[in-house]
């Protein structure tokens, strides 16, 4: 089965301090979304994307510490909704 899914949600950081994080969405290991959150970027992002998938596709959501080495303020909320 092949088709498209719609992925929506909000990513936000609770702290104003620190150098920010990067939020990623991957489908079958291929990055389909990357957004810097916090630091010198906005601390909140709403997203919506439509991506093709096949039956059994793996969708991963990840957060990394971003461009700097400061990890003390990287707590991040990543809400997700997936629909057809």
Foldseek 3Di string as FASTA:
>chain_A
DKDKKKKWDKKFFDDQDDQWKWKFKDKQNHTPDIDTAHRPDDRMDIDMDMDMDDPPIDIDIDMGRPDDDDDPRHDMDTDIDMGD
